[in-house]
Amino acid sequence: MSRRTLAALVLLLLLIAFPFVASGYLLGVFTIAFYFGVFAMAWDLLFGFAGEVNFGPTFLIGLGAYAAGLLNVRGWPILPAVLAGAVAAVIGGLLLALPALRLRGPYFGLVTLVAVLLLQQVIVIFAGVTGGEIGLSLPDVLSVDARKNYWYALAFMGVSGALLYALSRSPAGLILQAAGQDPVEAQALGFNVAKHKLAAFSISALFSGLAGALMVFYLGTASVDTVVDISVTVQVIIAVVLGGRRTILGGILGAVFLIGVGEVLRPLGQLSTFVVAAIALAVILLFPDGLIGAFGRHGREA
């Protein structure tokens, strides 16, 4: 058993045992971190493997969240609303990806960023339906019990991580990685680069939409600040870079680190954002391959 696998198993056992010793407040912090972990893993599939710089993960997250929330307001139960939210994210992602993937360089990233800004404006303009800047209150929530919400988020993150990690190590994942690193050579070898990147975007949209929908049913409200804001995008990107790009599971580590440190430093007020950014920058400079990459390198040297 490799050091990385052993560490993952130990971490999983600690997370399973955590609710029996932690307060409801800490469980709430980790619950949010787990959903952000799924956001980060889904983003890493597209950026780390497909090589596409997506500056708009909150476009997909927001579509899933608001679609599920709006349907729940209209009487849909939680499970069908969550599934419909995921479908909405995939459809919206495909409508965005089909023209955007024809672009090269930074233009794809700019298109995804503009999509986020447009979604924000749609939410504000149609405030009578979406709740606007105030937010959309949902009649249903996953649970009022902090421990149950923790279990739901942990199970969802675990299943999502296992599926995305398996996909990244599958033949399709290797082709996607090759297409991301050198699309010309991959095309010359006979691989359909556009098809694989479109599939990666769809899968990323699916998990982003699911996580967004589940998170708003945990929070009980959908708002621009929590699921569509640019600051959420920045957190997702930093989480992947911190944990380790092209590792999938590194997104979990980065998300838990960011959310946890941010919560510990909350008493500092506005200064906490500066401190968290400084810590993230230091980690990125000292460990270019992320925390998982640094751990793997240490294990090989040992």
C-alpha atoms as a PDB file:
ATOM      1  CA  MET A   1       0.000   0.000   0.000  1.00  0.00           C
ATOM      2  CA  SER A   2       1.439   3.364  -1.027  1.00  0.00           C
ATOM      3  CA  ARG A   3       1.896   6.197   1.434  1.00  0.00           C
ATOM      4  CA  ARG A   4      -0.711   8.231  -0.432  1.00  0.00           C
ATOM      5  CA  THR A   5      -3.319   5.472  -0.231  1.00  0.00           C
ATOM      6  CA  LEU A   6      -2.589   4.888   3.440  1.00  0.00           C
ATOM      7  CA  ALA A   7      -2.878   8.597   4.183  1.00  0.00           C
ATOM      8  CA  ALA A   8      -6.211   8.745   2.328  1.00  0.00           C
ATOM      9  CA  LEU A   9      -7.586   5.839   4.368  1.00  0.00           C
ATOM     10  CA  VAL A  10      -6.443   7.377   7.656  1.00  0.00           C
ATOM     11  CA  LEU A  11      -7.999  10.703   6.672  1.00  0.00           C
ATOM     12  CA  LEU A  12     -11.269   8.992   5.742  1.00  0.00           C
ATOM     13  CA  LEU A  13     -11.429   7.230   9.119  1.00  0.00           C
ATOM     14  CA  LEU A  14     -10.788  10.516  10.913  1.00  0.00           C
ATOM     15  CA  LEU A  15     -13.545  12.232   8.954  1.00  0.00           C
ATOM     16  CA  ILE A  16     -15.976   9.414   9.740  1.00  0.00           C
ATOM     17  CA  ALA A  17     -15.187   9.643  13.460  1.00  0.00           C
ATOM     18  CA  PHE A  18     -15.200  13.464  13.524  1.00  0.00           C
ATOM     19  CA  PRO A  19     -18.956  13.993  14.171  1.00  0.00           C
ATOM     20  CA  PHE A  20     -18.730  12.067  17.451  1.00  0.00           C
ATOM     21  CA  VAL A  21     -16.287  14.568  18.981  1.00  0.00           C
ATOM     22  CA  ALA A  22     -16.986  17.842  17.140  1.00  0.00           C
ATOM     23  CA  SER A  23     -19.493  20.601  17.831  1.00  0.00           C
ATOM     24  CA  GLY A  24     -22.330  21.477  15.480  1.00  0.00           C
ATOM     25  CA  TYR A  25     -20.460  24.616  14.461  1.00  0.00           C
ATOM     26  CA  LEU A  26     -17.388  22.668  13.305  1.00  0.00           C
ATOM     27  CA  LEU A  27     -19.569  20.144  11.520  1.00  0.00           C
ATOM     28  CA  GLY A  28     -21.159  23.021   9.605  1.00  0.00           C
ATOM     29  CA  VAL A  29     -17.741  24.333   8.549  1.00  0.00           C
ATOM     30  CA  PHE A  30     -16.652  20.928   7.266  1.00  0.00           C
ATOM     31  CA  THR A  31     -19.983  20.367   5.527  1.00  0.00           C
ATOM     32  CA  ILE A  32     -19.434  23.479   3.409  1.00  0.00           C
ATOM     33  CA  ALA A  33     -15.809  22.446   2.821  1.00  0.00           C
ATOM     34  CA  PHE A  34     -16.925  19.059   1.470  1.00  0.00           C
ATOM     35  CA  TYR A  35     -19.195  20.677  -1.109  1.00  0.00           C
ATOM     36  CA  PHE A  36     -16.368  22.989  -2.110  1.00  0.00           C
ATOM     37  CA  GLY A  37     -14.185  19.902  -2.418  1.00  0.00           C
ATOM     38  CA  VAL A  38     -16.542  18.563  -5.098  1.00  0.00           C
ATOM     39  CA  PHE A  39     -16.506  21.956  -6.841  1.00  0.00           C
ATOM     40  CA  ALA A  40     -12.710  21.787  -6.895  1.00  0.00           C
ATOM     41  CA  MET A  41     -12.506  18.192  -8.128  1.00  0.00           C
ATOM     42  CA  ALA A  42     -14.930  18.916 -10.955  1.00  0.00           C
ATOM     43  CA  TRP A  43     -12.911  21.990 -11.946  1.00  0.00           C
ATOM     44  CA  ASP A  44      -9.640  20.022 -11.846  1.00  0.00           C
ATOM     45  CA  LEU A  45     -11.011  17.514 -14.351  1.00  0.00           C
ATOM     46  CA  LEU A  46     -11.526  20.294 -16.864  1.00  0.00           C
ATOM     47  CA  PHE A  47      -8.415  22.373 -16.147  1.00  0.00           C
ATOM     48  CA  GLY A  48      -5.904  19.843 -14.861  1.00  0.00           C
ATOM     49  CA  PHE A  49      -6.672  17.125 -17.411  1.00  0.00           C
ATOM     50  CA  ALA A  50      -8.396  18.769 -20.367  1.00  0.00           C
ATOM     51  CA  GLY A  51      -6.146  21.826 -20.152  1.00  0.00           C
ATOM     52  CA  GLU A  52      -9.053  24.261 -20.497  1.00  0.00           C
ATOM     53  CA  VAL A  53      -8.859  27.328 -18.237  1.00  0.00           C
ATOM     54  CA  ASN A  54     -12.415  27.647 -16.963  1.00  0.00           C
ATOM     55  CA  PHE A  55     -12.874  30.908 -15.054  1.00  0.00           C
ATOM     56  CA  GLY A  56     -16.571  30.254 -14.643  1.00  0.00           C
ATOM     57  CA  PRO A  57     -17.171  27.155 -12.497  1.00  0.00           C
ATOM     58  CA  THR A  58     -19.831  29.138 -10.638  1.00  0.00           C
ATOM     59  CA  PHE A  59     -21.850  29.341 -13.859  1.00  0.00           C
ATOM     60  CA  LEU A  60     -22.364  25.581 -13.643  1.00  0.00           C
ATOM     61  CA  ILE A  61     -22.715  25.606  -9.858  1.00  0.00           C
ATOM     62  CA  GLY A  62     -25.237  28.433 -10.007  1.00  0.00           C
ATOM     63  CA  LEU A  63     -27.325  26.776 -12.709  1.00  0.00           C
ATOM     64  CA  GLY A  64     -27.651  23.625 -10.643  1.00  0.00           C
ATOM     65  CA  ALA A  65     -28.354  25.520  -7.435  1.00  0.00           C
ATOM     66  CA  TYR A  66     -30.961  27.912  -8.773  1.00  0.00           C
ATOM     67  CA  ALA A  67     -32.695  25.343 -10.972  1.00  0.00           C
ATOM     68  CA  ALA A  68     -33.104  23.018  -7.990  1.00  0.00           C
ATOM     69  CA  GLY A  69     -34.184  25.865  -5.705  1.00  0.00           C
ATOM     70  CA  LEU A  70     -36.763  27.260  -8.109  1.00  0.00           C
ATOM     71  CA  LEU A  71     -38.284  23.835  -8.655  1.00  0.00           C
ATOM     72  CA  ASN A  72     -38.433  23.209  -4.908  1.00  0.00           C
ATOM     73  CA  VAL A  73     -40.265  26.514  -4.413  1.00  0.00           C
ATOM     74  CA  ARG A  74     -42.809  25.242  -6.947  1.00  0.00           C
ATOM     75  CA  GLY A  75     -43.431  22.063  -4.979  1.00  0.00           C
ATOM     76  CA  TRP A  76     -40.808  19.628  -6.257  1.00  0.00           C
ATOM     77  CA  PRO A  77     -39.357  17.278  -3.605  1.00  0.00           C
ATOM     78  CA  ILE A  78     -35.643  17.567  -2.860  1.00  0.00           C
ATOM     79  CA  LEU A  79     -34.363  14.539  -4.798  1.00  0.00           C
ATOM     80  CA  PRO A  80     -36.113  15.283  -8.124  1.00  0.00           C
ATOM     81  CA  ALA A  81     -35.152  18.959  -7.765  1.00  0.00           C
ATOM     82  CA  VAL A  82     -31.480  18.068  -7.202  1.00  0.00           C
ATOM     83  CA  LEU A  83     -31.433  15.760 -10.222  1.00  0.00           C
ATOM     84  CA  ALA A  84     -33.145  18.409 -12.349  1.00  0.00           C
ATOM     85  CA  GLY A  85     -30.566  20.934 -11.173  1.00  0.00           C
ATOM     86  CA  ALA A  86     -27.769  18.643 -12.322  1.00  0.00           C
ATOM     87  CA  VAL A  87     -29.467  18.220 -15.713  1.00  0.00           C
ATOM     88  CA  ALA A  88     -29.832  22.002 -16.023  1.00  0.00           C
ATOM     89  CA  ALA A  89     -26.108  22.426 -15.300  1.00  0.00           C
ATOM     90  CA  VAL A  90     -25.184  19.865 -17.952  1.00  0.00           C
ATOM     91  CA  ILE A  91     -27.469  21.430 -20.566  1.00  0.00           C
ATOM     92  CA  GLY A  92     -26.194  24.916 -19.767  1.00  0.00           C
ATOM     93  CA  GLY A  93     -22.630  23.642 -19.814  1.00  0.00           C
ATOM     94  CA  LEU A  94     -23.087  22.056 -23.226  1.00  0.00           C
ATOM     95  CA  LEU A  95     -24.664  25.214 -24.651  1.00  0.00           C
ATOM     96  CA  LEU A  96     -21.646  27.145 -23.385  1.00  0.00           C
ATOM     97  CA  ALA A  97     -18.994  24.596 -24.301  1.00  0.00           C
ATOM     98  CA  LEU A  98     -20.053  23.866 -27.882  1.00  0.00           C
ATOM     99  CA  PRO A  99     -19.095  27.329 -29.172  1.00  0.00           C
ATOM    100  CA  ALA A 100     -16.491  28.126 -26.494  1.00  0.00           C
ATOM    101  CA  LEU A 101     -14.317  25.053 -27.113  1.00  0.00           C
ATOM    102  CA  ARG A 102     -13.713  26.287 -30.651  1.00  0.00           C
ATOM    103  CA  LEU A 103     -11.675  29.121 -29.142  1.00  0.00           C
ATOM    104  CA  ARG A 104      -8.016  28.896 -28.212  1.00  0.00           C
ATOM    105  CA  GLY A 105      -5.803  30.455 -25.580  1.00  0.00           C
ATOM    106  CA  PRO A 106      -7.364  32.749 -22.981  1.00  0.00           C
ATOM    107  CA  TYR A 107     -10.566  33.266 -24.974  1.00  0.00           C
ATOM    108  CA  PHE A 108     -12.230  30.136 -23.614  1.00  0.00           C
ATOM    109  CA  GLY A 109     -11.602  31.358 -20.074  1.00  0.00           C
ATOM    110  CA  LEU A 110     -12.991  34.790 -20.900  1.00  0.00           C
ATOM    111  CA  VAL A 111     -16.172  33.279 -22.343  1.00  0.00           C
ATOM    112  CA  THR A 112     -16.762  31.255 -19.163  1.00  0.00           C
ATOM    113  CA  LEU A 113     -16.144  34.340 -17.034  1.00  0.00           C
ATOM    114  CA  VAL A 114     -18.644  36.375 -19.044  1.00  0.00           C
ATOM    115  CA  ALA A 115     -21.165  33.549 -18.614  1.00  0.00           C
ATOM    116  CA  VAL A 116     -20.914  33.979 -14.830  1.00  0.00           C
ATOM    117  CA  LEU A 117     -21.494  37.732 -15.095  1.00  0.00           C
ATOM    118  CA  LEU A 118     -24.517  37.159 -17.354  1.00  0.00           C
ATOM    119  CA  LEU A 119     -25.999  34.648 -14.913  1.00  0.00           C
ATOM    120  CA  GLN A 120     -25.568  37.152 -12.087  1.00  0.00           C
ATOM    121  CA  GLN A 121     -27.418  39.782 -14.092  1.00  0.00           C
ATOM    122  CA  VAL A 122     -30.248  37.388 -14.972  1.00  0.00           C
ATOM    123  CA  ILE A 123     -30.702  36.558 -11.275  1.00  0.00           C
ATOM    124  CA  VAL A 124     -30.836  40.256 -10.355  1.00  0.00           C
ATOM    125  CA  ILE A 125     -33.071  41.310 -13.260  1.00  0.00           C
ATOM    126  CA  PHE A 126     -35.642  38.570 -12.587  1.00  0.00           C
ATOM    127  CA  ALA A 127     -35.596  39.175  -8.833  1.00  0.00           C
ATOM    128  CA  GLY A 128     -39.329  38.496  -8.597  1.00  0.00           C
ATOM    129  CA  VAL A 129     -38.630  34.868  -9.456  1.00  0.00           C
ATOM    130  CA  THR A 130     -35.058  34.309  -8.263  1.00  0.00           C
ATOM    131  CA  GLY A 131     -35.045  36.438  -5.143  1.00  0.00           C
ATOM    132  CA  GLY A 132     -32.429  38.742  -6.649  1.00  0.00           C
ATOM    133  CA  GLU A 133     -29.643  39.976  -4.379  1.00  0.00           C
ATOM    134  CA  ILE A 134     -31.596  38.999  -1.272  1.00  0.00           C
ATOM    135  CA  GLY A 135     -31.630  35.342  -2.205  1.00  0.00           C
ATOM    136  CA  LEU A 136     -34.153  32.577  -2.801  1.00  0.00           C
ATOM    137  CA  SER A 137     -35.520  30.899   0.336  1.00  0.00           C
ATOM    138  CA  LEU A 138     -36.242  27.196  -0.032  1.00  0.00           C
ATOM    139  CA  PRO A 139     -39.177  25.540   1.743  1.00  0.00           C
ATOM    140  CA  ASP A 140     -37.230  22.289   2.264  1.00  0.00           C
ATOM    141  CA  VAL A 141     -33.783  21.463   3.643  1.00  0.00           C
ATOM    142  CA  LEU A 142     -31.802  18.243   3.720  1.00  0.00           C
ATOM    143  CA  SER A 143     -31.911  18.095   7.522  1.00  0.00           C
ATOM    144  CA  VAL A 144     -31.900  20.308  10.600  1.00  0.00           C
ATOM    145  CA  ASP A 145     -29.456  17.939  12.276  1.00  0.00           C
ATOM    146  CA  ALA A 146     -25.810  19.016  11.853  1.00  0.00           C
ATOM    147  CA  ARG A 147     -24.536  15.458  12.053  1.00  0.00           C
ATOM    148  CA  LYS A 148     -26.856  14.222   9.295  1.00  0.00           C
ATOM    149  CA  ASN A 149     -25.892  17.124   7.033  1.00  0.00           C
ATOM    150  CA  TYR A 150     -22.240  16.256   7.632  1.00  0.00           C
ATOM    151  CA  TRP A 151     -22.841  12.622   6.674  1.00  0.00           C
ATOM    152  CA  TYR A 152     -24.706  13.611   3.513  1.00  0.00           C
ATOM    153  CA  ALA A 153     -21.895  15.944   2.409  1.00  0.00           C
ATOM    154  CA  LEU A 154     -19.144  13.467   3.294  1.00  0.00           C
ATOM    155  CA  ALA A 155     -20.857  10.604   1.455  1.00  0.00           C
ATOM    156  CA  PHE A 156     -21.464  12.772  -1.597  1.00  0.00           C
ATOM    157  CA  MET A 157     -17.862  13.987  -1.635  1.00  0.00           C
ATOM    158  CA  GLY A 158     -16.534  10.454  -1.178  1.00  0.00           C
ATOM    159  CA  VAL A 159     -18.588   8.994  -4.015  1.00  0.00           C
ATOM    160  CA  SER A 160     -17.816  11.955  -6.287  1.00  0.00           C
ATOM    161  CA  GLY A 161     -14.107  11.717  -5.518  1.00  0.00           C
ATOM    162  CA  ALA A 162     -14.031   7.982  -6.203  1.00  0.00           C
ATOM    163  CA  LEU A 163     -15.834   8.359  -9.539  1.00  0.00           C
ATOM    164  CA  LEU A 164     -13.797  11.335 -10.741  1.00  0.00           C
ATOM    165  CA  TYR A 165     -10.509   9.756  -9.632  1.00  0.00           C
ATOM    166  CA  ALA A 166     -11.371   6.490 -11.392  1.00  0.00           C
ATOM    167  CA  LEU A 167     -12.289   8.416 -14.523  1.00  0.00           C
ATOM    168  CA  SER A 168      -9.029  10.364 -14.456  1.00  0.00           C
ATOM    169  CA  ARG A 169      -7.040   7.114 -14.297  1.00  0.00           C
ATOM    170  CA  SER A 170      -9.092   5.357 -16.989  1.00  0.00           C
ATOM    171  CA  PRO A 171      -8.059   5.170 -20.669  1.00  0.00           C
ATOM    172  CA  ALA A 172     -10.451   8.051 -21.390  1.00  0.00           C
ATOM    173  CA  GLY A 173      -8.783  10.092 -18.658  1.00  0.00           C
ATOM    174  CA  LEU A 174      -5.325   9.417 -20.092  1.00  0.00           C
ATOM    175  CA  ILE A 175      -6.510  10.471 -23.553  1.00  0.00           C
ATOM    176  CA  LEU A 176      -7.995  13.622 -22.033  1.00  0.00           C
ATOM    177  CA  GLN A 177      -4.713  14.388 -20.291  1.00  0.00           C
ATOM    178  CA  ALA A 178      -2.804  13.898 -23.527  1.00  0.00           C
ATOM    179  CA  ALA A 179      -5.257  16.164 -25.338  1.00  0.00           C
ATOM    180  CA  GLY A 180      -4.802  18.815 -22.697  1.00  0.00           C
ATOM    181  CA  GLN A 181      -1.009  18.728 -22.845  1.00  0.00           C
ATOM    182  CA  ASP A 182      -0.580  18.475 -26.617  1.00  0.00           C
ATOM    183  CA  PRO A 183      -3.860  18.535 -28.595  1.00  0.00           C
ATOM    184  CA  VAL A 184      -2.076  18.525 -31.974  1.00  0.00           C
ATOM    185  CA  GLU A 185      -0.155  15.341 -31.215  1.00  0.00           C
ATOM    186  CA  ALA A 186      -3.214  13.704 -29.653  1.00  0.00           C
ATOM    187  CA  GLN A 187      -5.204  14.520 -32.788  1.00  0.00           C
ATOM    188  CA  ALA A 188      -2.420  13.084 -34.927  1.00  0.00           C
ATOM    189  CA  LEU A 189      -2.607   9.830 -32.971  1.00  0.00           C
ATOM    190  CA  GLY A 190      -6.248   9.509 -33.969  1.00  0.00           C
ATOM    191  CA  PHE A 191      -7.985  10.741 -30.814  1.00  0.00           C
ATOM    192  CA  ASN A 192     -11.015  12.990 -31.094  1.00  0.00           C
ATOM    193  CA  VAL A 193      -9.808  15.864 -28.908  1.00  0.00           C
ATOM    194  CA  ALA A 194     -12.982  17.957 -29.187  1.00  0.00           C
ATOM    195  CA  LYS A 195     -15.166  14.989 -28.237  1.00  0.00           C
ATOM    196  CA  HIS A 196     -13.138  14.176 -25.127  1.00  0.00           C
ATOM    197  CA  LYS A 197     -13.010  17.818 -23.983  1.00  0.00           C
ATOM    198  CA  LEU A 198     -16.746  18.174 -24.470  1.00  0.00           C
ATOM    199  CA  ALA A 199     -17.292  15.025 -22.421  1.00  0.00           C
ATOM    200  CA  ALA A 200     -15.015  16.403 -19.683  1.00  0.00           C
ATOM    201  CA  PHE A 201     -16.984  19.667 -19.633  1.00  0.00           C
ATOM    202  CA  SER A 202     -20.254  17.738 -19.347  1.00  0.00           C
ATOM    203  CA  ILE A 203     -18.978  15.590 -16.479  1.00  0.00           C
ATOM    204  CA  SER A 204     -17.594  18.652 -14.705  1.00  0.00           C
ATOM    205  CA  ALA A 205     -20.974  20.361 -15.146  1.00  0.00           C
ATOM    206  CA  LEU A 206     -22.798  17.308 -13.762  1.00  0.00           C
ATOM    207  CA  PHE A 207     -20.830  17.180 -10.513  1.00  0.00           C
ATOM    208  CA  SER A 208     -20.784  20.973 -10.149  1.00  0.00           C
ATOM    209  CA  GLY A 209     -24.555  21.144 -10.603  1.00  0.00           C
ATOM    210  CA  LEU A 210     -25.167  18.309  -8.157  1.00  0.00           C
ATOM    211  CA  ALA A 211     -22.927  19.876  -5.522  1.00  0.00           C
ATOM    212  CA  GLY A 212     -24.507  23.302  -6.008  1.00  0.00           C
ATOM    213  CA  ALA A 213     -28.011  21.900  -5.685  1.00  0.00           C
ATOM    214  CA  LEU A 214     -27.200  19.871  -2.569  1.00  0.00           C
ATOM    215  CA  MET A 215     -25.430  22.811  -0.933  1.00  0.00           C
ATOM    216  CA  VAL A 216     -28.412  25.146  -1.267  1.00  0.00           C
ATOM    217  CA  PHE A 217     -30.652  22.487   0.261  1.00  0.00           C
ATOM    218  CA  TYR A 218     -28.199  22.374   3.147  1.00  0.00           C
ATOM    219  CA  LEU A 219     -28.149  26.177   3.490  1.00  0.00           C
ATOM    220  CA  GLY A 220     -31.875  26.565   2.880  1.00  0.00           C
ATOM    221  CA  THR A 221     -31.287  29.451   0.492  1.00  0.00           C
ATOM    222  CA  ALA A 222     -29.736  30.174  -2.901  1.00  0.00           C
ATOM    223  CA  SER A 223     -27.973  33.491  -3.343  1.00  0.00           C
ATOM    224  CA  VAL A 224     -25.478  35.097  -5.696  1.00  0.00           C
ATOM    225  CA  ASP A 225     -22.907  35.434  -2.907  1.00  0.00           C
ATOM    226  CA  THR A 226     -22.876  31.719  -2.095  1.00  0.00           C
ATOM    227  CA  VAL A 227     -23.071  30.004  -5.494  1.00  0.00           C
ATOM    228  CA  VAL A 228     -22.432  32.469  -8.332  1.00  0.00           C
ATOM    229  CA  ASP A 229     -20.054  35.114  -7.012  1.00  0.00           C
ATOM    230  CA  ILE A 230     -16.582  35.491  -8.556  1.00  0.00           C
ATOM    231  CA  SER A 231     -15.029  35.059  -5.100  1.00  0.00           C
ATOM    232  CA  VAL A 232     -16.384  31.492  -5.064  1.00  0.00           C
ATOM    233  CA  THR A 233     -14.597  30.878  -8.367  1.00  0.00           C
ATOM    234  CA  VAL A 234     -11.344  32.164  -6.868  1.00  0.00           C
ATOM    235  CA  GLN A 235     -11.718  29.834  -3.880  1.00  0.00           C
ATOM    236  CA  VAL A 236     -12.307  26.840  -6.147  1.00  0.00           C
ATOM    237  CA  ILE A 237      -9.259  27.619  -8.288  1.00  0.00           C
ATOM    238  CA  ILE A 238      -6.984  28.205  -5.288  1.00  0.00           C
ATOM    239  CA  ALA A 239      -8.213  24.988  -3.665  1.00  0.00           C
ATOM    240  CA  VAL A 240      -7.137  22.969  -6.713  1.00  0.00           C
ATOM    241  CA  VAL A 241      -3.735  24.656  -6.953  1.00  0.00           C
ATOM    242  CA  LEU A 242      -3.166  24.236  -3.220  1.00  0.00           C
ATOM    243  CA  GLY A 243      -4.144  20.599  -3.128  1.00  0.00           C
ATOM    244  CA  GLY A 244      -2.433  19.660  -6.371  1.00  0.00           C
ATOM    245  CA  ARG A 245      -3.451  20.150  -9.961  1.00  0.00           C
ATOM    246  CA  ARG A 246      -4.144  17.025 -12.000  1.00  0.00           C
ATOM    247  CA  THR A 247      -4.679  14.915  -8.872  1.00  0.00           C
ATOM    248  CA  ILE A 248      -8.491  15.250  -8.489  1.00  0.00           C
ATOM    249  CA  LEU A 249      -8.335  14.373  -4.784  1.00  0.00           C
ATOM    250  CA  GLY A 250      -6.087  17.348  -4.116  1.00  0.00           C
ATOM    251  CA  GLY A 251      -9.140  19.545  -4.526  1.00  0.00           C
ATOM    252  CA  ILE A 252     -10.577  18.078  -1.324  1.00  0.00           C
ATOM    253  CA  LEU A 253      -7.439  18.859   0.649  1.00  0.00           C
ATOM    254  CA  GLY A 254      -7.251  22.380  -0.755  1.00  0.00           C
ATOM    255  CA  ALA A 255     -10.929  23.111  -0.075  1.00  0.00           C
ATOM    256  CA  VAL A 256     -10.807  21.866   3.521  1.00  0.00           C
ATOM    257  CA  PHE A 257      -7.615  23.870   4.095  1.00  0.00           C
ATOM    258  CA  LEU A 258      -9.066  27.094   2.679  1.00  0.00           C
ATOM    259  CA  ILE A 259     -12.446  26.888   4.412  1.00  0.00           C
ATOM    260  CA  GLY A 260     -10.921  25.720   7.692  1.00  0.00           C
ATOM    261  CA  VAL A 261      -8.201  28.376   7.877  1.00  0.00           C
ATOM    262  CA  GLY A 262     -10.642  31.070   6.795  1.00  0.00           C
ATOM    263  CA  GLU A 263     -12.997  30.107   9.614  1.00  0.00           C
ATOM    264  CA  VAL A 264     -10.210  30.014  12.219  1.00  0.00           C
ATOM    265  CA  LEU A 265      -9.101  33.497  11.188  1.00  0.00           C
ATOM    266  CA  ARG A 266     -12.627  34.937  10.994  1.00  0.00           C
ATOM    267  CA  PRO A 267     -12.149  36.962  14.241  1.00  0.00           C
ATOM    268  CA  LEU A 268      -9.539  39.024  12.357  1.00  0.00           C
ATOM    269  CA  GLY A 269     -12.287  40.495  10.188  1.00  0.00           C
ATOM    270  CA  GLN A 270     -11.161  41.809   6.799  1.00  0.00           C
ATOM    271  CA  LEU A 271      -7.574  40.960   7.687  1.00  0.00           C
ATOM    272  CA  SER A 272      -8.443  37.264   7.567  1.00  0.00           C
ATOM    273  CA  THR A 273      -8.788  37.403   3.764  1.00  0.00           C
ATOM    274  CA  PHE A 274      -5.287  38.854   3.491  1.00  0.00           C
ATOM    275  CA  VAL A 275      -3.806  36.215   5.808  1.00  0.00           C
ATOM    276  CA  VAL A 276      -5.510  33.338   3.982  1.00  0.00           C
ATOM    277  CA  ALA A 277      -4.302  34.689   0.622  1.00  0.00           C
ATOM    278  CA  ALA A 278      -0.754  35.046   1.986  1.00  0.00           C
ATOM    279  CA  ILE A 279      -0.760  31.473   3.310  1.00  0.00           C
ATOM    280  CA  ALA A 280      -2.101  30.168  -0.002  1.00  0.00           C
ATOM    281  CA  LEU A 281       0.556  32.094  -1.935  1.00  0.00           C
ATOM    282  CA  ALA A 282       3.324  30.745   0.309  1.00  0.00           C
ATOM    283  CA  VAL A 283       2.127  27.157  -0.141  1.00  0.00           C
ATOM    284  CA  ILE A 284       1.899  27.583  -3.909  1.00  0.00           C
ATOM    285  CA  LEU A 285       5.416  29.046  -4.104  1.00  0.00           C
ATOM    286  CA  LEU A 286       6.963  26.417  -1.813  1.00  0.00           C
ATOM    287  CA  PHE A 287       5.039  23.459  -3.260  1.00  0.00           C
ATOM    288  CA  PRO A 288       4.329  24.073  -6.989  1.00  0.00           C
ATOM    289  CA  ASP A 289       2.807  20.590  -7.273  1.00  0.00           C
ATOM    290  CA  GLY A 290       0.453  21.243  -4.377  1.00  0.00           C
ATOM    291  CA  LEU A 291       0.229  19.588  -0.994  1.00  0.00           C
ATOM    292  CA  ILE A 292      -0.472  16.138  -2.432  1.00  0.00           C
ATOM    293  CA  GLY A 293       2.462  16.477  -4.830  1.00  0.00           C
ATOM    294  CA  ALA A 294       4.734  17.484  -1.964  1.00  0.00           C
ATOM    295  CA  PHE A 295       3.552  14.531   0.093  1.00  0.00           C
ATOM    296  CA  GLY A 296       4.141  12.135  -2.814  1.00  0.00           C
ATOM    297  CA  ARG A 297       7.635  13.498  -3.393  1.00  0.00           C
ATOM    298  CA  HIS A 298       8.459  13.165   0.307  1.00  0.00           C
ATOM    299  CA  GLY A 299       7.213   9.601   0.254  1.00  0.00           C
ATOM    300  CA  ARG A 300       9.439   8.702  -2.696  1.00  0.00           C
ATOM    301  CA  GLU A 301      12.471  10.313  -1.073  1.00  0.00           C
ATOM    302  CA  ALA A 302      11.807   8.423   2.153  1.00  0.00           C
END
